[in-house]
Amino acid sequence: MTHNPIKVAIVEDEFLIAQDLAYLCEKLGMTVVGQAANYDTAVKLIEETVPDYVLMDVRLQGRRDGVNVALKVFETMPSIKIIYVTGSNEPPTLARIDEDHPYAVLIKPVGERDLAKVFGFGN
């Protein structure tokens, strides 16, 4: 029986952070289907690849943020799990995230152990 790896899309406007998250996901055995830094690219990426999970930064390039992306995706693909990855844990940001249906929220910096835990890979 073949095991299909978990597919993950990364929506993050800071290139180095996106690269680091991609590296950590691949190290854990997941497949990264792509990266996006703004609303339009993110929505297109998610619609075209239909990942199992999206690592979603709240602040993106442009006027719309990660919550806008997540709400748009939820309209047509509610089974995709959104894991917010944010550098802000202040109440207004967390309240904004709660407008969506977050699977989990990780506060930057995110390490391998954080990702393994949220994806259910043991310790």
Protein backbone atom coordinates (compact mmCIF):
# COMPACT_ATOMS: atom_id res chain seq x y z
CA MET A 1 0.00 0.00 0.00
CA THR A 2 1.45 3.34 -1.00
CA HIS A 3 1.33 6.24 1.39
CA ASN A 4 0.50 9.60 -0.12
CA PRO A 5 2.50 12.32 1.58
CA ILE A 6 0.70 15.25 3.14
CA LYS A 7 0.49 18.16 0.68
CA VAL A 8 1.24 21.61 2.09
CA ALA A 9 1.04 25.08 0.52
CA ILE A 10 3.02 27.90 2.12
CA VAL A 11 1.61 31.43 2.10
CA GLU A 12 4.28 33.73 3.52
CA ASP A 13 5.51 37.12 2.29
CA GLU A 14 9.03 36.79 3.70
CA PHE A 15 11.02 34.61 1.30
CA LEU A 16 13.52 33.24 3.82
CA ILE A 17 10.79 32.25 6.27
CA ALA A 18 8.87 30.55 3.43
CA GLN A 19 12.02 28.66 2.43
CA ASP A 20 12.63 27.59 6.03
CA LEU A 21 9.05 26.36 6.44
CA ALA A 22 9.31 24.45 3.14
CA TYR A 23 12.55 22.82 4.29
CA LEU A 24 11.03 21.79 7.62
CA CYS A 25 7.91 20.36 5.95
CA GLU A 26 9.98 18.34 3.49
CA LYS A 27 12.23 17.13 6.31
CA LEU A 28 9.09 15.80 8.02
CA GLY A 29 8.16 13.92 4.85
CA MET A 30 5.50 16.26 3.49
CA THR A 31 5.24 17.54 -0.08
CA VAL A 32 5.31 21.32 -0.53
CA VAL A 33 3.07 22.10 -3.52
CA GLY A 34 4.12 25.73 -3.78
CA GLN A 35 4.64 29.09 -2.13
CA ALA A 36 2.81 32.41 -2.44
CA ALA A 37 3.39 35.88 -0.99
CA ASN A 38 0.10 37.67 -1.76
CA TYR A 39 -3.65 37.10 -1.94
CA ASP A 40 -4.05 36.47 -5.67
CA THR A 41 -1.09 34.10 -5.98
CA ALA A 42 -2.13 32.25 -2.82
CA VAL A 43 -5.74 31.70 -3.92
CA LYS A 44 -4.59 30.51 -7.36
CA LEU A 45 -1.98 28.16 -5.84
CA ILE A 46 -4.47 26.62 -3.40
CA GLU A 47 -7.22 26.22 -6.01
CA GLU A 48 -4.81 24.56 -8.46
CA THR A 49 -3.03 22.22 -6.03
CA VAL A 50 -5.73 21.54 -3.38
CA PRO A 51 -3.29 20.91 -0.51
CA ASP A 52 -4.22 19.12 2.69
CA TYR A 53 -2.85 22.01 4.76
CA VAL A 54 -1.86 25.63 4.26
CA LEU A 55 0.78 27.31 6.42
CA MET A 56 -0.69 30.81 6.36
CA ASP A 57 1.01 34.02 7.42
CA VAL A 58 -1.44 36.71 8.51
CA ARG A 59 0.40 39.67 6.97
CA LEU A 60 0.97 39.37 3.23
CA GLN A 61 2.06 41.65 0.40
CA GLY A 62 -0.80 43.88 -0.77
CA ARG A 63 -4.05 45.04 0.79
CA ARG A 64 -5.52 41.65 1.68
CA ASP A 65 -4.12 39.37 4.37
CA GLY A 66 -3.93 35.65 5.10
CA VAL A 67 -7.34 35.64 6.74
CA ASN A 68 -8.82 36.97 3.48
CA VAL A 69 -7.15 34.08 1.64
CA ALA A 70 -8.41 31.53 4.18
CA LEU A 71 -11.98 32.82 4.07
CA LYS A 72 -11.96 32.67 0.25
CA VAL A 73 -10.58 29.11 0.28
CA PHE A 74 -13.11 28.03 2.93
CA GLU A 75 -16.00 29.03 0.62
CA THR A 76 -15.17 26.30 -1.90
CA MET A 77 -12.75 23.96 -0.11
CA PRO A 78 -13.68 23.82 3.59
CA SER A 79 -11.74 20.59 4.14
CA ILE A 80 -8.36 22.31 3.69
CA LYS A 81 -6.80 22.87 7.10
CA ILE A 82 -5.35 26.33 7.70
CA ILE A 83 -2.43 26.59 10.11
CA TYR A 84 -1.68 30.23 10.83
CA VAL A 85 1.97 31.11 11.26
CA THR A 86 2.29 34.61 12.67
CA GLY A 87 4.80 36.77 14.44
CA SER A 88 2.00 38.58 16.27
CA ASN A 89 0.25 37.14 19.27
CA GLU A 90 -1.48 40.34 20.33
CA PRO A 91 -5.28 40.24 20.77
CA PRO A 92 -6.24 42.12 17.53
CA THR A 93 -4.27 39.66 15.38
CA LEU A 94 -5.63 36.61 17.21
CA ALA A 95 -9.17 38.02 16.92
CA ARG A 96 -8.63 38.47 13.18
CA ILE A 97 -7.49 34.84 12.89
CA ASP A 98 -10.59 33.71 14.79
CA GLU A 99 -12.77 35.17 12.00
CA ASP A 100 -11.70 32.10 10.03
CA HIS A 101 -11.79 28.43 11.00
CA PRO A 102 -8.15 27.95 12.05
CA TYR A 103 -6.88 24.41 12.43
CA ALA A 104 -3.99 25.72 14.54
CA VAL A 105 -1.99 28.87 15.27
CA LEU A 106 1.80 28.85 15.52
CA ILE A 107 3.76 31.87 16.73
CA LYS A 108 7.04 32.61 14.90
CA PRO A 109 9.74 31.51 15.04
CA VAL A 110 8.46 28.06 14.13
CA GLY A 111 10.75 25.07 14.51
CA GLU A 112 10.62 21.45 13.42
CA ARG A 113 9.16 20.34 16.76
CA ASP A 114 6.31 22.90 16.44
CA LEU A 115 5.40 21.62 12.98
CA ALA A 116 5.73 17.96 13.96
CA LYS A 117 3.35 18.52 16.88
CA VAL A 118 0.70 20.38 14.86
CA PHE A 119 0.82 17.76 12.10
CA GLY A 120 0.59 14.96 14.67
CA PHE A 121 4.04 13.43 14.09
CA GLY A 122 4.72 12.24 17.62
CA ASN A 123 6.89 14.41 19.84
